[in-house]
Amino acid sequence: MTLNHDVAAVARENAALRMLLKPFAEAAEDLDDNHPDRADIWESGAAMSITAGDLRAIRAHLKEQER
């Protein structure tokens, strides 16, 4: 592999992870400060934008990276 290939691979991985994490970052923007970091938020309005598909997409991506 060349350095350019390695950099391109890292850039693709970065873009994929940013896309997968976007729903979680957006939900965090909507989360009020009344929830401590370890609080269950699934009934909070902020968590409503996180879907089962978001969780499955992250799981699939991480499993693919383990190969």
PDB file of N, CA and C in Angstrom:
ATOM      1  N   MET A   1       0.840  -1.195   0.000  1.00  0.00           N
ATOM      2  CA  MET A   1       0.000   0.000   0.000  1.00  0.00           C
ATOM      3  C   MET A   1       0.877   1.249   0.000  1.00  0.00           C
ATOM      4  N   THR A   2       0.363   2.250  -0.646  1.00  0.00           N
ATOM      5  CA  THR A   2       1.079   3.521  -0.657  1.00  0.00           C
ATOM      6  C   THR A   2       0.514   4.425   0.419  1.00  0.00           C
ATOM      7  N   LEU A   3       1.274   5.453   0.710  1.00  0.00           N
ATOM      8  CA  LEU A   3       0.821   6.425   1.704  1.00  0.00           C
ATOM      9  C   LEU A   3      -0.486   7.069   1.259  1.00  0.00           C
ATOM     10  N   ASN A   4      -0.583   7.392  -0.037  1.00  0.00           N
ATOM     11  CA  ASN A   4      -1.821   8.000  -0.542  1.00  0.00           C
ATOM     12  C   ASN A   4      -3.005   7.063  -0.367  1.00  0.00           C
ATOM     13  N   HIS A   5      -2.790   5.775  -0.596  1.00  0.00           N
ATOM     14  CA  HIS A   5      -3.862   4.792  -0.412  1.00  0.00           C
ATOM     15  C   HIS A   5      -4.271   4.722   1.054  1.00  0.00           C
ATOM     16  N   ASP A   6      -3.297   4.719   1.952  1.00  0.00           N
ATOM     17  CA  ASP A   6      -3.585   4.683   3.387  1.00  0.00           C
ATOM     18  C   ASP A   6      -4.361   5.921   3.822  1.00  0.00           C
ATOM     19  N   VAL A   7      -3.955   7.071   3.334  1.00  0.00           N
ATOM     20  CA  VAL A   7      -4.642   8.317   3.688  1.00  0.00           C
ATOM     21  C   VAL A   7      -6.069   8.293   3.148  1.00  0.00           C
ATOM     22  N   ALA A   8      -6.244   7.806   1.944  1.00  0.00           N
ATOM     23  CA  ALA A   8      -7.581   7.728   1.353  1.00  0.00           C
ATOM     24  C   ALA A   8      -8.457   6.757   2.149  1.00  0.00           C
ATOM     25  N   ALA A   9      -7.903   5.647   2.594  1.00  0.00           N
ATOM     26  CA  ALA A   9      -8.664   4.677   3.387  1.00  0.00           C
ATOM     27  C   ALA A   9      -9.087   5.285   4.723  1.00  0.00           C
ATOM     28  N   VAL A  10      -8.190   6.004   5.349  1.00  0.00           N
ATOM     29  CA  VAL A  10      -8.513   6.657   6.620  1.00  0.00           C
ATOM     30  C   VAL A  10      -9.578   7.725   6.406  1.00  0.00           C
ATOM     31  N   ALA A  11      -9.491   8.456   5.319  1.00  0.00           N
ATOM     32  CA  ALA A  11     -10.486   9.491   5.020  1.00  0.00           C
ATOM     33  C   ALA A  11     -11.862   8.867   4.789  1.00  0.00           C
ATOM     34  N   ARG A  12     -11.916   7.727   4.096  1.00  0.00           N
ATOM     35  CA  ARG A  12     -13.200   7.041   3.879  1.00  0.00           C
ATOM     36  C   ARG A  12     -13.769   6.538   5.206  1.00  0.00           C
ATOM     37  N   GLU A  13     -12.917   5.974   6.050  1.00  0.00           N
ATOM     38  CA  GLU A  13     -13.366   5.494   7.363  1.00  0.00           C
ATOM     39  C   GLU A  13     -13.888   6.653   8.204  1.00  0.00           C
ATOM     40  N   ASN A  14     -13.189   7.759   8.177  1.00  0.00           N
ATOM     41  CA  ASN A  14     -13.609   8.941   8.922  1.00  0.00           C
ATOM     42  C   ASN A  14     -14.976   9.417   8.443  1.00  0.00           C
ATOM     43  N   ALA A  15     -15.164   9.481   7.130  1.00  0.00           N
ATOM     44  CA  ALA A  15     -16.439   9.932   6.568  1.00  0.00           C
ATOM     45  C   ALA A  15     -17.572   8.968   6.945  1.00  0.00           C
ATOM     46  N   ALA A  16     -17.294   7.669   6.893  1.00  0.00           N
ATOM     47  CA  ALA A  16     -18.314   6.681   7.244  1.00  0.00           C
ATOM     48  C   ALA A  16     -18.715   6.814   8.709  1.00  0.00           C
ATOM     49  N   LEU A  17     -17.735   6.952   9.589  1.00  0.00           N
ATOM     50  CA  LEU A  17     -18.042   7.079  11.011  1.00  0.00           C
ATOM     51  C   LEU A  17     -18.784   8.367  11.319  1.00  0.00           C
ATOM     52  N   ARG A  18     -18.396   9.456  10.665  1.00  0.00           N
ATOM     53  CA  ARG A  18     -19.100  10.725  10.879  1.00  0.00           C
ATOM     54  C   ARG A  18     -20.563  10.603  10.465  1.00  0.00           C
ATOM     55  N   MET A  19     -20.818   9.924   9.350  1.00  0.00           N
ATOM     56  CA  MET A  19     -22.189   9.742   8.878  1.00  0.00           C
ATOM     57  C   MET A  19     -22.976   8.883   9.872  1.00  0.00           C
ATOM     58  N   LEU A  20     -22.358   7.810  10.365  1.00  0.00           N
ATOM     59  CA  LEU A  20     -23.044   6.920  11.296  1.00  0.00           C
ATOM     60  C   LEU A  20     -23.307   7.573  12.651  1.00  0.00           C
ATOM     61  N   LEU A  21     -22.435   8.460  13.058  1.00  0.00           N
ATOM     62  CA  LEU A  21     -22.586   9.112  14.366  1.00  0.00           C
ATOM     63  C   LEU A  21     -23.477  10.350  14.334  1.00  0.00           C
ATOM     64  N   LYS A  22     -23.791  10.845  13.145  1.00  0.00           N
ATOM     65  CA  LYS A  22     -24.571  12.079  13.022  1.00  0.00           C
ATOM     66  C   LYS A  22     -25.903  12.044  13.778  1.00  0.00           C
ATOM     67  N   PRO A  23     -26.711  10.957  13.686  1.00  0.00           N
ATOM     68  CA  PRO A  23     -27.976  10.953  14.442  1.00  0.00           C
ATOM     69  C   PRO A  23     -27.765  11.093  15.952  1.00  0.00           C
ATOM     70  N   PHE A  24     -26.682  10.540  16.459  1.00  0.00           N
ATOM     71  CA  PHE A  24     -26.408  10.615  17.892  1.00  0.00           C
ATOM     72  C   PHE A  24     -25.977  12.031  18.284  1.00  0.00           C
ATOM     73  N   ALA A  25     -25.179  12.668  17.442  1.00  0.00           N
ATOM     74  CA  ALA A  25     -24.758  14.039  17.715  1.00  0.00           C
ATOM     75  C   ALA A  25     -25.950  14.987  17.662  1.00  0.00           C
ATOM     76  N   GLU A  26     -26.836  14.771  16.685  1.00  0.00           N
ATOM     77  CA  GLU A  26     -28.031  15.614  16.586  1.00  0.00           C
ATOM     78  C   GLU A  26     -28.938  15.418  17.793  1.00  0.00           C
ATOM     79  N   ALA A  27     -29.074  14.177  18.243  1.00  0.00           N
ATOM     80  CA  ALA A  27     -29.892  13.918  19.436  1.00  0.00           C
ATOM     81  C   ALA A  27     -29.282  14.591  20.656  1.00  0.00           C
ATOM     82  N   ALA A  28     -27.963  14.596  20.754  1.00  0.00           N
ATOM     83  CA  ALA A  28     -27.290  15.236  21.891  1.00  0.00           C
ATOM     84  C   ALA A  28     -27.561  16.733  21.917  1.00  0.00           C
ATOM     85  N   GLU A  29     -27.703  17.345  20.744  1.00  0.00           N
ATOM     86  CA  GLU A  29     -28.018  18.772  20.679  1.00  0.00           C
ATOM     87  C   GLU A  29     -29.381  19.056  21.296  1.00  0.00           C
ATOM     88  N   ASP A  30     -30.304  18.107  21.162  1.00  0.00           N
ATOM     89  CA  ASP A  30     -31.662  18.283  21.678  1.00  0.00           C
ATOM     90  C   ASP A  30     -31.818  17.857  23.135  1.00  0.00           C
ATOM     91  N   LEU A  31     -30.789  17.244  23.693  1.00  0.00           N
ATOM     92  CA  LEU A  31     -30.855  16.738  25.060  1.00  0.00           C
ATOM     93  C   LEU A  31     -30.660  17.889  26.042  1.00  0.00           C
ATOM     94  N   ASP A  32     -31.562  17.989  26.982  1.00  0.00           N
ATOM     95  CA  ASP A  32     -31.405  19.061  27.971  1.00  0.00           C
ATOM     96  C   ASP A  32     -30.371  18.653  29.019  1.00  0.00           C
ATOM     97  N   ASP A  33     -29.966  19.588  29.838  1.00  0.00           N
ATOM     98  CA  ASP A  33     -28.921  19.336  30.832  1.00  0.00           C
ATOM     99  C   ASP A  33     -29.446  18.660  32.098  1.00  0.00           C
ATOM    100  N   ASN A  34     -30.704  18.255  32.106  1.00  0.00           N
ATOM    101  CA  ASN A  34     -31.272  17.589  33.278  1.00  0.00           C
ATOM    102  C   ASN A  34     -30.919  16.106  33.342  1.00  0.00           C
ATOM    103  N   HIS A  35     -30.279  15.589  32.314  1.00  0.00           N
ATOM    104  CA  HIS A  35     -29.926  14.170  32.270  1.00  0.00           C
ATOM    105  C   HIS A  35     -28.433  13.999  32.560  1.00  0.00           C
ATOM    106  N   PRO A  36     -28.083  13.300  33.636  1.00  0.00           N
ATOM    107  CA  PRO A  36     -26.669  13.008  33.852  1.00  0.00           C
ATOM    108  C   PRO A  36     -26.157  12.068  32.752  1.00  0.00           C
ATOM    109  N   ASP A  37     -24.866  12.000  32.575  1.00  0.00           N
ATOM    110  CA  ASP A  37     -24.270  11.223  31.487  1.00  0.00           C
ATOM    111  C   ASP A  37     -24.710   9.760  31.468  1.00  0.00           C
ATOM    112  N   ARG A  38     -24.946   9.161  32.597  1.00  0.00           N
ATOM    113  CA  ARG A  38     -25.297   7.735  32.632  1.00  0.00           C
ATOM    114  C   ARG A  38     -26.815   7.507  32.744  1.00  0.00           C
ATOM    115  N   ALA A  39     -27.602   8.545  32.519  1.00  0.00           N
ATOM    116  CA  ALA A  39     -29.061   8.426  32.615  1.00  0.00           C
ATOM    117  C   ALA A  39     -29.627   7.703  31.396  1.00  0.00           C
ATOM    118  N   ASP A  40     -30.689   6.947  31.616  1.00  0.00           N
ATOM    119  CA  ASP A  40     -31.421   6.306  30.533  1.00  0.00           C
ATOM    120  C   ASP A  40     -32.234   7.388  29.830  1.00  0.00           C
ATOM    121  N   ILE A  41     -32.021   7.569  28.540  1.00  0.00           N
ATOM    122  CA  ILE A  41     -32.697   8.661  27.822  1.00  0.00           C
ATOM    123  C   ILE A  41     -33.710   8.170  26.795  1.00  0.00           C
ATOM    124  N   TRP A  42     -33.962   6.874  26.734  1.00  0.00           N
ATOM    125  CA  TRP A  42     -34.776   6.350  25.645  1.00  0.00           C
ATOM    126  C   TRP A  42     -36.198   6.893  25.636  1.00  0.00           C
ATOM    127  N   GLU A  43     -36.688   7.398  26.743  1.00  0.00           N
ATOM    128  CA  GLU A  43     -38.023   7.989  26.741  1.00  0.00           C
ATOM    129  C   GLU A  43     -37.974   9.505  26.576  1.00  0.00           C
ATOM    130  N   SER A  44     -36.770  10.039  26.452  1.00  0.00           N
ATOM    131  CA  SER A  44     -36.592  11.473  26.233  1.00  0.00           C
ATOM    132  C   SER A  44     -36.859  11.802  24.766  1.00  0.00           C
ATOM    133  N   GLY A  45     -37.387  12.981  24.523  1.00  0.00           N
ATOM    134  CA  GLY A  45     -37.618  13.422  23.150  1.00  0.00           C
ATOM    135  C   GLY A  45     -36.350  13.450  22.314  1.00  0.00           C
ATOM    136  N   ALA A  46     -35.222  13.704  22.950  1.00  0.00           N
ATOM    137  CA  ALA A  46     -33.951  13.768  22.223  1.00  0.00           C
ATOM    138  C   ALA A  46     -33.602  12.428  21.595  1.00  0.00           C
ATOM    139  N   ALA A  47     -33.972  11.345  22.233  1.00  0.00           N
ATOM    140  CA  ALA A  47     -33.623  10.009  21.728  1.00  0.00           C
ATOM    141  C   ALA A  47     -34.562   9.556  20.612  1.00  0.00           C
ATOM    142  N   MET A  48     -35.647  10.252  20.404  1.00  0.00           N
ATOM    143  CA  MET A  48     -36.629   9.814  19.415  1.00  0.00           C
ATOM    144  C   MET A  48     -36.082   9.832  17.992  1.00  0.00           C
ATOM    145  N   SER A  49     -35.044  10.593  17.732  1.00  0.00           N
ATOM    146  CA  SER A  49     -34.493  10.633  16.379  1.00  0.00           C
ATOM    147  C   SER A  49     -33.496   9.507  16.126  1.00  0.00           C
ATOM    148  N   ILE A  50     -33.123   8.759  17.163  1.00  0.00           N
ATOM    149  CA  ILE A  50     -32.223   7.622  17.007  1.00  0.00           C
ATOM    150  C   ILE A  50     -33.078   6.401  16.696  1.00  0.00           C
ATOM    151  N   THR A  51     -32.791   5.768  15.576  1.00  0.00           N
ATOM    152  CA  THR A  51     -33.612   4.641  15.143  1.00  0.00           C
ATOM    153  C   THR A  51     -32.886   3.310  15.338  1.00  0.00           C
ATOM    154  N   ALA A  52     -33.650   2.232  15.260  1.00  0.00           N
ATOM    155  CA  ALA A  52     -33.043   0.898  15.294  1.00  0.00           C
ATOM    156  C   ALA A  52     -32.076   0.744  14.122  1.00  0.00           C
ATOM    157  N   GLY A  53     -32.411   1.350  13.009  1.00  0.00           N
ATOM    158  CA  GLY A  53     -31.528   1.306  11.842  1.00  0.00           C
ATOM    159  C   GLY A  53     -30.192   1.980  12.110  1.00  0.00           C
ATOM    160  N   ASP A  54     -30.198   3.073  12.879  1.00  0.00           N
ATOM    161  CA  ASP A  54     -28.944   3.738  13.245  1.00  0.00           C
ATOM    162  C   ASP A  54     -28.052   2.797  14.047  1.00  0.00           C
ATOM    163  N   LEU A  55     -28.656   2.114  15.007  1.00  0.00           N
ATOM    164  CA  LEU A  55     -27.889   1.180  15.842  1.00  0.00           C
ATOM    165  C   LEU A  55     -27.375   0.001  15.018  1.00  0.00           C
ATOM    166  N   ARG A  56     -28.210  -0.512  14.145  1.00  0.00           N
ATOM    167  CA  ARG A  56     -27.788  -1.643  13.309  1.00  0.00           C
ATOM    168  C   ARG A  56     -26.692  -1.242  12.326  1.00  0.00           C
ATOM    169  N   ALA A  57     -26.778  -0.040  11.783  1.00  0.00           N
ATOM    170  CA  ALA A  57     -25.757   0.423  10.838  1.00  0.00           C
ATOM    171  C   ALA A  57     -24.399   0.535  11.522  1.00  0.00           C
ATOM    172  N   ILE A  58     -24.379   1.045  12.726  1.00  0.00           N
ATOM    173  CA  ILE A  58     -23.117   1.147  13.465  1.00  0.00           C
ATOM    174  C   ILE A  58     -22.590  -0.246  13.791  1.00  0.00           C
ATOM    175  N   ARG A  59     -23.466  -1.128  14.233  1.00  0.00           N
ATOM    176  CA  ARG A  59     -23.037  -2.498  14.537  1.00  0.00           C
ATOM    177  C   ARG A  59     -22.437  -3.159  13.293  1.00  0.00           C
ATOM    178  N   ALA A  60     -23.092  -3.033  12.163  1.00  0.00           N
ATOM    179  CA  ALA A  60     -22.602  -3.648  10.930  1.00  0.00           C
ATOM    180  C   ALA A  60     -21.252  -3.067  10.526  1.00  0.00           C
ATOM    181  N   HIS A  61     -21.116  -1.765  10.657  1.00  0.00           N
ATOM    182  CA  HIS A  61     -19.857  -1.121  10.283  1.00  0.00           C
ATOM    183  C   HIS A  61     -18.713  -1.609  11.192  1.00  0.00           C
ATOM    184  N   LEU A  62     -18.971  -1.670  12.470  1.00  0.00           N
ATOM    185  CA  LEU A  62     -17.930  -2.124  13.394  1.00  0.00           C
ATOM    186  C   LEU A  62     -17.558  -3.589  13.156  1.00  0.00           C
ATOM    187  N   LYS A  63     -18.552  -4.432  12.868  1.00  0.00           N
ATOM    188  CA  LYS A  63     -18.257  -5.833  12.570  1.00  0.00           C
ATOM    189  C   LYS A  63     -17.406  -5.949  11.305  1.00  0.00           C
ATOM    190  N   GLU A  64     -17.722  -5.135  10.313  1.00  0.00           N
ATOM    191  CA  GLU A  64     -16.946  -5.146   9.067  1.00  0.00           C
ATOM    192  C   GLU A  64     -15.494  -4.736   9.314  1.00  0.00           C
ATOM    193  N   GLN A  65     -15.283  -3.794  10.203  1.00  0.00           N
ATOM    194  CA  GLN A  65     -13.934  -3.329  10.499  1.00  0.00           C
ATOM    195  C   GLN A  65     -13.121  -4.371  11.275  1.00  0.00           C
ATOM    196  N   GLU A  66     -13.794  -5.297  11.952  1.00  0.00           N
ATOM    197  CA  GLU A  66     -13.101  -6.338  12.711  1.00  0.00           C
ATOM    198  C   GLU A  66     -12.482  -7.386  11.805  1.00  0.00           C
ATOM    199  N   ARG A  67     -12.936  -7.458  10.565  1.00  0.00           N
ATOM    200  CA  ARG A  67     -12.430  -8.466   9.620  1.00  0.00           C
ATOM    201  C   ARG A  67     -11.062  -8.144   9.123  1.00  0.00           C
TER     202      ARG A  67
END
